[in-house]
Amino acid sequence: MRRPTFTALVVVIGVLLLADLLVVNTALAATAGVIVDAAILVAAGTALAAVASLALRRLADLWRRRGDPVGAVLVLAGIIAMLVAGLRPGSAGTSDPAVQWLVGALLVPIGASLFGLLFISTVSAARRSVQGGSREAVVLVAAATIAVLVLLPIGGAAAGWFGAARDWMVGGLIGSVFRGLLIGIALLAAVYAARVMLGIGSADE
């Protein structure tokens, strides 16, 4: 597909979805719903293709005896177990007890372990930053420490004060900064995507 055709298609779809958010119209809402459903199907197909590519890559690693064979076997076993649990005859799909057990007993603890390692690496990085003597790093670590202390589930007489501080920090301070970051990132992504689709480079400015 040529770039002008692809660009025109993306622009038309974007305008339709934006108009659906701004205008109340039944036909427009139905069209936007079809577009969103198509996007979901494309995303699902992409996810399936990614899983198939990963499985084929790990099978090739086992066949050619390269990489980590234990890791390859574990990845393939996990993919097969999840597929069998969700697609076997009589299965209820994502709500099947076997699938929920695999998610709750395996995926969630593995994710929690990874987040635990991330916390340790973050603390180590914060320590090195503070030792470097940077004032920005000191301010960042101090703010993070205050946020962690306020978010702790503290009971007793101080529970009300900590609860009010927690609500103000999450809903007001952290929430406003986070929303500002999301808006800025979305605007930059939209501008960059428009530049790429329209073929605008630094020489055209």
Protein backbone atom coordinates (compact mmCIF):
# COMPACT_ATOMS: atom_id res chain seq x y z
CA MET A 1 0.00 0.00 0.00
CA ARG A 2 1.43 3.38 -0.99
CA ARG A 3 2.09 6.00 1.66
CA PRO A 4 -0.57 8.52 0.47
CA THR A 5 -3.27 5.82 0.54
CA PHE A 6 -2.20 4.58 3.95
CA THR A 7 -2.01 8.13 5.29
CA ALA A 8 -5.46 8.97 3.98
CA LEU A 9 -6.90 5.81 5.54
CA VAL A 10 -5.36 6.57 8.93
CA VAL A 11 -6.52 10.19 8.82
CA VAL A 12 -10.09 9.21 7.88
CA ILE A 13 -10.27 6.61 10.67
CA GLY A 14 -8.84 9.05 13.19
CA VAL A 15 -11.32 11.78 12.18
CA LEU A 16 -14.24 9.32 12.44
CA LEU A 17 -13.23 8.19 15.94
CA LEU A 18 -12.70 11.78 17.06
CA ALA A 19 -16.08 12.81 15.63
CA ASP A 20 -17.73 9.91 17.48
CA LEU A 21 -16.38 11.34 20.75
CA LEU A 22 -17.63 14.85 19.97
CA VAL A 23 -20.94 14.22 18.16
CA VAL A 24 -23.90 12.10 19.27
CA ASN A 25 -25.00 10.21 16.15
CA THR A 26 -26.24 6.62 15.87
CA ALA A 27 -24.76 5.90 12.43
CA LEU A 28 -21.44 7.45 13.41
CA ALA A 29 -21.37 5.44 16.64
CA ALA A 30 -22.06 2.23 14.71
CA THR A 31 -19.25 3.00 12.24
CA ALA A 32 -16.84 3.79 15.07
CA GLY A 33 -17.83 0.54 16.78
CA VAL A 34 -17.01 -1.44 13.65
CA ILE A 35 -13.64 0.30 13.40
CA VAL A 36 -12.83 -0.42 17.05
CA ASP A 37 -13.87 -4.08 16.66
CA ALA A 38 -11.65 -4.37 13.59
CA ALA A 39 -8.74 -2.86 15.51
CA ILE A 40 -9.31 -5.36 18.33
CA LEU A 41 -9.30 -8.23 15.84
CA VAL A 42 -6.09 -6.96 14.26
CA ALA A 43 -4.48 -6.66 17.70
CA ALA A 44 -5.62 -10.18 18.62
CA GLY A 45 -4.22 -11.54 15.35
CA THR A 46 -0.94 -9.76 16.01
CA ALA A 47 -0.77 -11.26 19.51
CA LEU A 48 -1.40 -14.76 18.14
CA ALA A 49 1.25 -14.25 15.48
CA ALA A 50 3.70 -13.11 18.16
CA VAL A 51 2.99 -16.21 20.27
CA ALA A 52 3.42 -18.47 17.23
CA SER A 53 6.68 -16.73 16.33
CA LEU A 54 7.97 -17.16 19.88
CA ALA A 55 7.05 -20.86 19.89
CA LEU A 56 8.74 -21.44 16.54
CA ARG A 57 11.84 -19.58 17.71
CA ARG A 58 12.10 -21.70 20.84
CA LEU A 59 11.53 -24.89 18.85
CA ALA A 60 14.32 -23.87 16.51
CA ASP A 61 16.58 -23.22 19.49
CA LEU A 62 15.89 -26.73 20.81
CA TRP A 63 16.35 -28.31 17.38
CA ARG A 64 19.68 -26.55 16.75
CA ARG A 65 20.81 -26.85 20.40
CA ARG A 66 21.45 -23.17 20.91
CA GLY A 67 20.53 -20.70 23.62
CA ASP A 68 18.99 -21.83 26.89
CA PRO A 69 17.28 -25.22 26.47
CA VAL A 70 15.65 -25.12 29.92
CA GLY A 71 14.13 -21.71 29.21
CA ALA A 72 12.92 -22.85 25.80
CA VAL A 73 11.24 -25.93 27.30
CA LEU A 74 9.56 -23.85 30.02
CA VAL A 75 8.25 -21.32 27.49
CA LEU A 76 6.86 -24.05 25.23
CA ALA A 77 5.34 -25.90 28.19
CA GLY A 78 3.63 -22.72 29.37
CA ILE A 79 2.21 -21.98 25.93
CA ILE A 80 0.95 -25.55 25.51
CA ALA A 81 -0.58 -25.64 29.00
CA MET A 82 -2.46 -22.39 28.48
CA LEU A 83 -3.71 -23.42 25.04
CA VAL A 84 -4.87 -26.83 26.26
CA ALA A 85 -6.63 -25.30 29.28
CA GLY A 86 -8.46 -22.70 27.22
CA LEU A 87 -9.19 -24.63 23.99
CA ARG A 88 -9.84 -28.19 25.14
CA PRO A 89 -13.34 -29.62 24.53
CA GLY A 90 -15.76 -28.37 27.14
CA SER A 91 -13.56 -25.49 28.21
CA ALA A 92 -15.17 -22.15 29.10
CA GLY A 93 -12.29 -20.17 27.60
CA THR A 94 -10.79 -17.41 29.72
CA SER A 95 -13.30 -18.08 32.53
CA ASP A 96 -12.41 -21.77 32.74
CA PRO A 97 -11.16 -22.80 36.22
CA ALA A 98 -8.00 -24.32 34.73
CA VAL A 99 -7.12 -21.08 32.94
CA GLN A 100 -7.85 -19.04 36.06
CA TRP A 101 -5.69 -21.39 38.12
CA LEU A 102 -2.78 -21.06 35.68
CA VAL A 103 -3.10 -17.29 35.79
CA GLY A 104 -3.55 -17.05 39.56
CA ALA A 105 -1.05 -19.73 40.59
CA LEU A 106 1.68 -19.14 38.00
CA LEU A 107 1.47 -15.88 36.07
CA VAL A 108 0.55 -13.62 38.98
CA PRO A 109 3.33 -14.91 41.32
CA ILE A 110 5.86 -14.69 38.48
CA GLY A 111 4.79 -11.11 37.78
CA ALA A 112 4.98 -10.27 41.49
CA SER A 113 8.49 -11.73 41.64
CA LEU A 114 9.57 -9.63 38.67
CA PHE A 115 8.13 -6.50 40.31
CA GLY A 116 9.99 -7.43 43.51
CA LEU A 117 13.25 -7.58 41.57
CA LEU A 118 12.35 -4.25 39.97
CA PHE A 119 11.91 -2.72 43.43
CA ILE A 120 15.34 -3.97 44.52
CA SER A 121 17.02 -2.62 41.38
CA THR A 122 15.20 0.70 41.81
CA VAL A 123 16.43 1.04 45.40
CA SER A 124 19.96 0.21 44.29
CA ALA A 125 19.79 2.79 41.50
CA ALA A 126 18.44 5.40 43.93
CA ARG A 127 21.31 4.72 46.33
CA ARG A 128 23.88 5.17 43.56
CA SER A 129 22.18 8.37 42.41
CA VAL A 130 22.24 9.86 45.90
CA GLN A 131 25.90 8.89 46.33
CA GLY A 132 26.63 10.78 43.12
CA GLY A 133 25.69 14.03 44.84
CA SER A 134 23.08 15.19 42.33
CA ARG A 135 20.48 17.51 43.86
CA GLU A 136 17.84 16.31 41.39
CA ALA A 137 18.45 12.73 42.47
CA VAL A 138 18.17 13.69 46.15
CA VAL A 139 14.85 15.47 45.53
CA LEU A 140 13.55 12.51 43.50
CA VAL A 141 14.51 9.96 46.14
CA ALA A 142 13.06 12.11 48.94
CA ALA A 143 9.75 12.50 47.12
CA ALA A 144 9.62 8.77 46.39
CA THR A 145 10.33 7.97 50.05
CA ILE A 146 7.53 10.29 51.23
CA ALA A 147 5.13 8.73 48.73
CA VAL A 148 5.99 5.21 49.88
CA LEU A 149 5.56 6.14 53.56
CA VAL A 150 2.21 7.82 52.94
CA LEU A 151 0.91 4.89 50.89
CA LEU A 152 1.71 2.34 53.61
CA PRO A 153 -1.38 0.79 55.29
CA ILE A 154 -0.86 2.41 58.67
CA GLY A 155 -3.54 1.98 61.32
CA GLY A 156 -4.22 3.48 64.71
CA ALA A 157 -4.63 7.15 65.53
CA ALA A 158 -2.60 8.26 62.53
CA ALA A 159 -4.77 6.32 60.06
CA GLY A 160 -7.07 9.27 59.34
CA TRP A 161 -4.23 11.70 58.74
CA PHE A 162 -2.33 9.26 56.54
CA GLY A 163 -5.53 8.45 54.66
CA ALA A 164 -6.21 12.13 53.91
CA ALA A 165 -2.60 12.67 52.86
CA ARG A 166 -2.75 9.57 50.69
CA ASP A 167 -5.94 10.68 48.94
CA TRP A 168 -4.54 14.16 48.33
CA MET A 169 -1.23 12.86 47.05
CA VAL A 170 -2.70 10.22 44.74
CA GLY A 171 -5.69 12.21 43.49
CA GLY A 172 -4.14 15.64 43.42
CA LEU A 173 -0.36 15.77 43.24
CA ILE A 174 0.61 12.47 41.63
CA GLY A 175 -2.59 12.30 39.57
CA SER A 176 -2.13 15.76 38.04
CA VAL A 177 1.52 15.12 37.21
CA PHE A 178 0.69 11.74 35.70
CA ARG A 179 -2.13 13.18 33.61
CA GLY A 180 0.14 15.96 32.39
CA LEU A 181 2.77 13.41 31.37
CA LEU A 182 0.19 11.33 29.51
CA ILE A 183 -1.14 14.38 27.67
CA GLY A 184 2.36 15.48 26.70
CA ILE A 185 3.37 11.99 25.54
CA ALA A 186 0.14 11.63 23.53
CA LEU A 187 0.67 14.99 21.82
CA LEU A 188 4.30 14.18 20.97
CA ALA A 189 3.30 10.74 19.66
CA ALA A 190 0.53 12.24 17.52
CA VAL A 191 2.86 14.88 16.08
CA TYR A 192 5.59 12.31 15.35
CA ALA A 193 3.10 9.90 13.76
CA ALA A 194 1.72 12.69 11.57
CA ARG A 195 5.24 13.67 10.48
CA VAL A 196 6.08 10.08 9.57
CA MET A 197 2.83 9.43 7.68
CA LEU A 198 2.98 12.73 5.79
CA GLY A 199 6.68 12.33 5.02
CA ILE A 200 7.71 15.56 6.74
CA GLY A 201 11.39 15.64 7.62
CA SER A 202 13.76 18.21 9.03
CA ALA A 203 14.61 19.36 5.52
CA ASP A 204 10.95 20.26 4.87
CA GLU A 205 10.64 22.57 7.88
